[in-house]
Amino acid sequence: MDTAKEWYAAVKEWQRARDELTAAIAAIKWPNPTQGCLASYDRAYARETEARDHMNQAYERVRR
């Protein structure tokens, strides 16, 4: 795959992961969050972090 297209796909994946994380944060019922909400947040945070790292790596390949 062309590196620019790979970076663009990585950006789109990060945006989806960021939206999922935003939804998970909004679903937390404060001050007494449920374990399910917190687990959902943890999964979404991990996916967003992984997607951001992949996006940054793809960007570095584009810059070379």
PDB file of N, CA and C in Angstrom:
ATOM      1  N   MET A   1       0.845  -1.178   0.000  1.00  0.00           N
ATOM      2  CA  MET A   1       0.000   0.000   0.000  1.00  0.00           C
ATOM      3  C   MET A   1       0.890   1.242   0.000  1.00  0.00           C
ATOM      4  N   ASP A   2       0.483   2.212  -0.724  1.00  0.00           N
ATOM      5  CA  ASP A   2       1.167   3.495  -0.758  1.00  0.00           C
ATOM      6  C   ASP A   2       1.205   4.073   0.660  1.00  0.00           C
ATOM      7  N   THR A   3       2.344   4.647   1.037  1.00  0.00           N
ATOM      8  CA  THR A   3       2.497   5.132   2.418  1.00  0.00           C
ATOM      9  C   THR A   3       1.511   6.243   2.759  1.00  0.00           C
ATOM     10  N   ALA A   4       1.195   7.107   1.810  1.00  0.00           N
ATOM     11  CA  ALA A   4       0.227   8.174   2.077  1.00  0.00           C
ATOM     12  C   ALA A   4      -1.161   7.581   2.312  1.00  0.00           C
ATOM     13  N   LYS A   5      -1.524   6.571   1.535  1.00  0.00           N
ATOM     14  CA  LYS A   5      -2.818   5.914   1.727  1.00  0.00           C
ATOM     15  C   LYS A   5      -2.848   5.169   3.056  1.00  0.00           C
ATOM     16  N   GLU A   6      -1.733   4.575   3.421  1.00  0.00           N
ATOM     17  CA  GLU A   6      -1.651   3.878   4.708  1.00  0.00           C
ATOM     18  C   GLU A   6      -1.844   4.875   5.853  1.00  0.00           C
ATOM     19  N   TRP A   7      -1.211   6.033   5.739  1.00  0.00           N
ATOM     20  CA  TRP A   7      -1.360   7.051   6.779  1.00  0.00           C
ATOM     21  C   TRP A   7      -2.808   7.534   6.849  1.00  0.00           C
ATOM     22  N   TYR A   8      -3.424   7.768   5.695  1.00  0.00           N
ATOM     23  CA  TYR A   8      -4.814   8.211   5.661  1.00  0.00           C
ATOM     24  C   TYR A   8      -5.723   7.178   6.312  1.00  0.00           C
ATOM     25  N   ALA A   9      -5.510   5.897   6.014  1.00  0.00           N
ATOM     26  CA  ALA A   9      -6.305   4.827   6.628  1.00  0.00           C
ATOM     27  C   ALA A   9      -6.074   4.787   8.137  1.00  0.00           C
ATOM     28  N   ALA A  10      -4.843   5.016   8.559  1.00  0.00           N
ATOM     29  CA  ALA A  10      -4.525   5.030   9.992  1.00  0.00           C
ATOM     30  C   ALA A  10      -5.206   6.204  10.689  1.00  0.00           C
ATOM     31  N   VAL A  11      -5.272   7.342  10.031  1.00  0.00           N
ATOM     32  CA  VAL A  11      -5.965   8.503  10.601  1.00  0.00           C
ATOM     33  C   VAL A  11      -7.447   8.187  10.777  1.00  0.00           C
ATOM     34  N   LYS A  12      -8.053   7.578   9.762  1.00  0.00           N
ATOM     35  CA  LYS A  12      -9.474   7.218   9.839  1.00  0.00           C
ATOM     36  C   LYS A  12      -9.717   6.236  10.979  1.00  0.00           C
ATOM     37  N   GLU A  13      -8.848   5.263  11.138  1.00  0.00           N
ATOM     38  CA  GLU A  13      -8.985   4.282  12.227  1.00  0.00           C
ATOM     39  C   GLU A  13      -8.839   4.980  13.578  1.00  0.00           C
ATOM     40  N   TRP A  14      -7.898   5.910  13.696  1.00  0.00           N
ATOM     41  CA  TRP A  14      -7.734   6.645  14.948  1.00  0.00           C
ATOM     42  C   TRP A  14      -8.985   7.472  15.260  1.00  0.00           C
ATOM     43  N   GLN A  15      -9.564   8.086  14.227  1.00  0.00           N
ATOM     44  CA  GLN A  15     -10.776   8.877  14.445  1.00  0.00           C
ATOM     45  C   GLN A  15     -11.918   8.003  14.960  1.00  0.00           C
ATOM     46  N   ARG A  16     -12.054   6.796  14.409  1.00  0.00           N
ATOM     47  CA  ARG A  16     -13.091   5.881  14.897  1.00  0.00           C
ATOM     48  C   ARG A  16     -12.822   5.492  16.348  1.00  0.00           C
ATOM     49  N   ALA A  17     -11.551   5.204  16.661  1.00  0.00           N
ATOM     50  CA  ALA A  17     -11.182   4.827  18.026  1.00  0.00           C
ATOM     51  C   ALA A  17     -11.403   5.993  18.990  1.00  0.00           C
ATOM     52  N   ARG A  18     -11.091   7.204  18.557  1.00  0.00           N
ATOM     53  CA  ARG A  18     -11.311   8.392  19.389  1.00  0.00           C
ATOM     54  C   ARG A  18     -12.797   8.586  19.660  1.00  0.00           C
ATOM     55  N   ASP A  19     -13.626   8.382  18.639  1.00  0.00           N
ATOM     56  CA  ASP A  19     -15.075   8.511  18.821  1.00  0.00           C
ATOM     57  C   ASP A  19     -15.603   7.454  19.793  1.00  0.00           C
ATOM     58  N   GLU A  20     -15.065   6.250  19.688  1.00  0.00           N
ATOM     59  CA  GLU A  20     -15.448   5.175  20.612  1.00  0.00           C
ATOM     60  C   GLU A  20     -15.047   5.537  22.047  1.00  0.00           C
ATOM     61  N   LEU A  21     -13.870   6.101  22.211  1.00  0.00           N
ATOM     62  CA  LEU A  21     -13.414   6.517  23.537  1.00  0.00           C
ATOM     63  C   LEU A  21     -14.297   7.632  24.081  1.00  0.00           C
ATOM     64  N   THR A  22     -14.653   8.588  23.244  1.00  0.00           N
ATOM     65  CA  THR A  22     -15.531   9.675  23.669  1.00  0.00           C
ATOM     66  C   THR A  22     -16.881   9.128  24.131  1.00  0.00           C
ATOM     67  N   ALA A  23     -17.414   8.166  23.398  1.00  0.00           N
ATOM     68  CA  ALA A  23     -18.690   7.553  23.783  1.00  0.00           C
ATOM     69  C   ALA A  23     -18.562   6.794  25.099  1.00  0.00           C
ATOM     70  N   ALA A  24     -17.441   6.111  25.284  1.00  0.00           N
ATOM     71  CA  ALA A  24     -17.228   5.368  26.529  1.00  0.00           C
ATOM     72  C   ALA A  24     -17.130   6.317  27.716  1.00  0.00           C
ATOM     73  N   ILE A  25     -16.491   7.445  27.529  1.00  0.00           N
ATOM     74  CA  ILE A  25     -16.389   8.437  28.604  1.00  0.00           C
ATOM     75  C   ILE A  25     -17.779   8.987  28.931  1.00  0.00           C
ATOM     76  N   ALA A  26     -18.556   9.273  27.909  1.00  0.00           N
ATOM     77  CA  ALA A  26     -19.900   9.817  28.119  1.00  0.00           C
ATOM     78  C   ALA A  26     -20.819   8.817  28.823  1.00  0.00           C
ATOM     79  N   ALA A  27     -20.556   7.527  28.666  1.00  0.00           N
ATOM     80  CA  ALA A  27     -21.404   6.493  29.256  1.00  0.00           C
ATOM     81  C   ALA A  27     -21.123   6.268  30.738  1.00  0.00           C
ATOM     82  N   ILE A  28     -20.025   6.794  31.232  1.00  0.00           N
ATOM     83  CA  ILE A  28     -19.686   6.589  32.644  1.00  0.00           C
ATOM     84  C   ILE A  28     -20.636   7.419  33.509  1.00  0.00           C
ATOM     85  N   LYS A  29     -21.262   6.758  34.452  1.00  0.00           N
ATOM     86  CA  LYS A  29     -22.213   7.414  35.347  1.00  0.00           C
ATOM     87  C   LYS A  29     -21.503   7.800  36.643  1.00  0.00           C
ATOM     88  N   TRP A  30     -21.154   9.068  36.750  1.00  0.00           N
ATOM     89  CA  TRP A  30     -20.484   9.545  37.964  1.00  0.00           C
ATOM     90  C   TRP A  30     -21.534   9.944  38.984  1.00  0.00           C
ATOM     91  N   PRO A  31     -21.330   9.812  40.252  1.00  0.00           N
ATOM     92  CA  PRO A  31     -20.093   9.447  40.938  1.00  0.00           C
ATOM     93  C   PRO A  31     -19.941   7.948  41.188  1.00  0.00           C
ATOM     94  N   ASN A  32     -20.859   7.114  40.687  1.00  0.00           N
ATOM     95  CA  ASN A  32     -20.796   5.673  40.950  1.00  0.00           C
ATOM     96  C   ASN A  32     -20.750   4.887  39.635  1.00  0.00           C
ATOM     97  N   PRO A  33     -19.610   4.893  38.957  1.00  0.00           N
ATOM     98  CA  PRO A  33     -19.528   4.174  37.675  1.00  0.00           C
ATOM     99  C   PRO A  33     -19.595   2.659  37.889  1.00  0.00           C
ATOM    100  N   THR A  34     -20.198   1.976  36.944  1.00  0.00           N
ATOM    101  CA  THR A  34     -20.268   0.515  37.028  1.00  0.00           C
ATOM    102  C   THR A  34     -18.976  -0.084  36.492  1.00  0.00           C
ATOM    103  N   GLN A  35     -18.726  -1.320  36.864  1.00  0.00           N
ATOM    104  CA  GLN A  35     -17.530  -2.018  36.375  1.00  0.00           C
ATOM    105  C   GLN A  35     -17.591  -2.171  34.853  1.00  0.00           C
ATOM    106  N   GLY A  36     -18.793  -2.395  34.321  1.00  0.00           N
ATOM    107  CA  GLY A  36     -18.940  -2.521  32.877  1.00  0.00           C
ATOM    108  C   GLY A  36     -18.548  -1.264  32.134  1.00  0.00           C
ATOM    109  N   CYS A  37     -18.949  -0.122  32.670  1.00  0.00           N
ATOM    110  CA  CYS A  37     -18.595   1.158  32.043  1.00  0.00           C
ATOM    111  C   CYS A  37     -17.090   1.387  32.097  1.00  0.00           C
ATOM    112  N   LEU A  38     -16.496   1.063  33.234  1.00  0.00           N
ATOM    113  CA  LEU A  38     -15.053   1.258  33.367  1.00  0.00           C
ATOM    114  C   LEU A  38     -14.281   0.296  32.462  1.00  0.00           C
ATOM    115  N   ALA A  39     -14.770  -0.935  32.338  1.00  0.00           N
ATOM    116  CA  ALA A  39     -14.120  -1.903  31.451  1.00  0.00           C
ATOM    117  C   ALA A  39     -14.230  -1.456  29.996  1.00  0.00           C
ATOM    118  N   SER A  40     -15.392  -0.917  29.642  1.00  0.00           N
ATOM    119  CA  SER A  40     -15.589  -0.402  28.288  1.00  0.00           C
ATOM    120  C   SER A  40     -14.636   0.756  28.013  1.00  0.00           C
ATOM    121  N   TYR A  41     -14.482   1.637  29.001  1.00  0.00           N
ATOM    122  CA  TYR A  41     -13.547   2.751  28.875  1.00  0.00           C
ATOM    123  C   TYR A  41     -12.116   2.244  28.699  1.00  0.00           C
ATOM    124  N   ASP A  42     -11.726   1.257  29.504  1.00  0.00           N
ATOM    125  CA  ASP A  42     -10.362   0.712  29.404  1.00  0.00           C
ATOM    126  C   ASP A  42     -10.091   0.140  28.020  1.00  0.00           C
ATOM    127  N   ARG A  43     -11.058  -0.600  27.467  1.00  0.00           N
ATOM    128  CA  ARG A  43     -10.889  -1.173  26.122  1.00  0.00           C
ATOM    129  C   ARG A  43     -10.791  -0.062  25.075  1.00  0.00           C
ATOM    130  N   ALA A  44     -11.663   0.927  25.187  1.00  0.00           N
ATOM    131  CA  ALA A  44     -11.662   2.031  24.214  1.00  0.00           C
ATOM    132  C   ALA A  44     -10.369   2.828  24.305  1.00  0.00           C
ATOM    133  N   TYR A  45      -9.873   3.042  25.519  1.00  0.00           N
ATOM    134  CA  TYR A  45      -8.623   3.780  25.701  1.00  0.00           C
ATOM    135  C   TYR A  45      -7.455   3.012  25.084  1.00  0.00           C
ATOM    136  N   ALA A  46      -7.429   1.706  25.286  1.00  0.00           N
ATOM    137  CA  ALA A  46      -6.357   0.887  24.712  1.00  0.00           C
ATOM    138  C   ALA A  46      -6.408   0.922  23.182  1.00  0.00           C
ATOM    139  N   ARG A  47      -7.617   0.831  22.611  1.00  0.00           N
ATOM    140  CA  ARG A  47      -7.750   0.880  21.151  1.00  0.00           C
ATOM    141  C   ARG A  47      -7.326   2.238  20.597  1.00  0.00           C
ATOM    142  N   GLU A  48      -7.713   3.305  21.298  1.00  0.00           N
ATOM    143  CA  GLU A  48      -7.355   4.649  20.831  1.00  0.00           C
ATOM    144  C   GLU A  48      -5.839   4.842  20.891  1.00  0.00           C
ATOM    145  N   THR A  49      -5.222   4.373  21.948  1.00  0.00           N
ATOM    146  CA  THR A  49      -3.771   4.491  22.083  1.00  0.00           C
ATOM    147  C   THR A  49      -3.057   3.713  20.988  1.00  0.00           C
ATOM    148  N   GLU A  50      -3.515   2.493  20.736  1.00  0.00           N
ATOM    149  CA  GLU A  50      -2.910   1.670  19.681  1.00  0.00           C
ATOM    150  C   GLU A  50      -3.096   2.321  18.313  1.00  0.00           C
ATOM    151  N   ALA A  51      -4.288   2.834  18.050  1.00  0.00           N
ATOM    152  CA  ALA A  51      -4.560   3.481  16.762  1.00  0.00           C
ATOM    153  C   ALA A  51      -3.714   4.748  16.601  1.00  0.00           C
ATOM    154  N   ARG A  52      -3.548   5.508  17.685  1.00  0.00           N
ATOM    155  CA  ARG A  52      -2.727   6.730  17.622  1.00  0.00           C
ATOM    156  C   ARG A  52      -1.274   6.372  17.336  1.00  0.00           C
ATOM    157  N   ASP A  53      -0.767   5.330  17.988  1.00  0.00           N
ATOM    158  CA  ASP A  53       0.608   4.899  17.737  1.00  0.00           C
ATOM    159  C   ASP A  53       0.787   4.464  16.288  1.00  0.00           C
ATOM    160  N   HIS A  54      -0.184   3.714  15.773  1.00  0.00           N
ATOM    161  CA  HIS A  54      -0.121   3.259  14.374  1.00  0.00           C
ATOM    162  C   HIS A  54      -0.159   4.451  13.423  1.00  0.00           C
ATOM    163  N   MET A  55      -1.000   5.428  13.727  1.00  0.00           N
ATOM    164  CA  MET A  55      -1.087   6.631  12.899  1.00  0.00           C
ATOM    165  C   MET A  55       0.244   7.379  12.900  1.00  0.00           C
ATOM    166  N   ASN A  56       0.849   7.529  14.061  1.00  0.00           N
ATOM    167  CA  ASN A  56       2.127   8.226  14.152  1.00  0.00           C
ATOM    168  C   ASN A  56       3.237   7.481  13.411  1.00  0.00           C
ATOM    169  N   GLN A  57       3.252   6.157  13.499  1.00  0.00           N
ATOM    170  CA  GLN A  57       4.245   5.367  12.764  1.00  0.00           C
ATOM    171  C   GLN A  57       4.049   5.518  11.260  1.00  0.00           C
ATOM    172  N   ALA A  58       2.804   5.496  10.821  1.00  0.00           N
ATOM    173  CA  ALA A  58       2.525   5.675   9.392  1.00  0.00           C
ATOM    174  C   ALA A  58       2.958   7.065   8.936  1.00  0.00           C
ATOM    175  N   TYR A  59       2.739   8.067   9.763  1.00  0.00           N
ATOM    176  CA  TYR A  59       3.159   9.429   9.426  1.00  0.00           C
ATOM    177  C   TYR A  59       4.675   9.507   9.280  1.00  0.00           C
ATOM    178  N   GLU A  60       5.399   8.838  10.165  1.00  0.00           N
ATOM    179  CA  GLU A  60       6.859   8.843  10.073  1.00  0.00           C
ATOM    180  C   GLU A  60       7.329   8.181   8.777  1.00  0.00           C
ATOM    181  N   ARG A  61       6.632   7.133   8.353  1.00  0.00           N
ATOM    182  CA  ARG A  61       7.011   6.486   7.077  1.00  0.00           C
ATOM    183  C   ARG A  61       6.745   7.424   5.896  1.00  0.00           C
ATOM    184  N   VAL A  62       5.675   8.207   5.973  1.00  0.00           N
ATOM    185  CA  VAL A  62       5.339   9.149   4.896  1.00  0.00           C
ATOM    186  C   VAL A  62       6.435  10.226   4.815  1.00  0.00           C
ATOM    187  N   ARG A  63       6.917  10.663   5.942  1.00  0.00           N
ATOM    188  CA  ARG A  63       7.914  11.739   5.972  1.00  0.00           C
ATOM    189  C   ARG A  63       9.261  11.312   5.416  1.00  0.00           C
ATOM    190  N   ARG A  64       9.552  10.042   5.404  1.00  0.00           N
ATOM    191  CA  ARG A  64      10.862   9.572   4.902  1.00  0.00           C
ATOM    192  C   ARG A  64      10.942   9.599   3.413  1.00  0.00           C
TER     193      ARG A  64
END
